[in-house]
C-alpha cells in the first residue's frame, strides 16, 4: 500500500508561510488556514501493467487540499520511474480527466494504461430486454453469441451486423495458452453505454448490443460481441466498425496474455488525442510528503 501520513491530517507550518497566505495564490498552491496546511486523501486505482508499477491495485494518497491530477502524478513519480506513465489516461470518479483537474477529498482516481481492447449487468438478458435500443454488459460467463444475435432482431430490420471477437491461438509468433481480461468495471460499463447510444445517434441504427467478457478465456472463446440492427446495411456496417474500433481505444479493459514461457500485459492502442496525459508535466516541483 502506498500511503502518506494516514494518521496525521494537518501540519503546522512556519511563520513565513503564514505571511504568504495573505498573498494571492495560484490554483496549484496548497490551501492555508491560519497557518495550517490542509490535507485531503484520495484513492488511486491502478490497472494492467500499472499495478506492478504502483506496487498495489489500490493506494491511499494524501495531498494538499486542491491539488491537481498533475500534482498527484508528480507525487507518485517521486519514488519510481515515470516511464510507465507515458501515454496513460487518468480518470476521476470514473470519468476521463485532464492533468489540470483539481481533486477533492475522497475522489477515486484511475491510472489507465492504453487499453487492449451502460449499465453493465452480469445476468443473462431476456429476448425482450435485448430487443430494446441498447444492451450493454460485462460478464464472466461464456458469451452466447447466437442467442444474443437472435434476440436483437426485429421485423423492421433489413440488416444485422455482428462482430464476434475471439481468442486466437497465437500472438506475435508465440502460442497462446489463455487470456485474462480485467476492467475498471464501473467506468467501462458507463463508456460502453455511451458508445452504444452515440452509435445509434450518429449512424441512425435501431439497436446496439455490446457484451465484453472478463476473467480467464480459453482459445476460441468469444471475448467481445457487438450486434448492430438497422433498417439499412450501410449504417449497420459503419456503426459496428466504429464501435469496436472506439471500444478498443477508450473503454478501460486490459488483456493479459499467457504463453508457455511467461505472461505479459498486451500493448494497448494509444488513447485518442487529448485523452492521454502529458507525463512531461509531472517533472515540476511537488508538495512535500
Foldseek 3Di string as FASTA:
>chain_A
DDEDPPVDFKDADDPVVQVVQVPDDDLQDAHDDNRIFGKAKEKEAEDFPVCVVQVHRIDIYIAGARHFQLLVLLVSCPVHPCPQQPLWFKDWQLHTDARGHTDHHHIYMYTFAFAAFADADADDDDLVVQCAAEAEYEYADFDPQVVSQVSNDDPLFPDKDKDFAFAAQDDPRAGFAKKAKDAPNVNLNVVLVVLSVVLCVVLVFRHKYWYAYGGIGGGGTTGIMIMTTHNDDVSNVVSVVVSRVQSQGPRRMWMWTAGPVGIHTDRGDRHPPPRRYDSVSSPDDHDDD
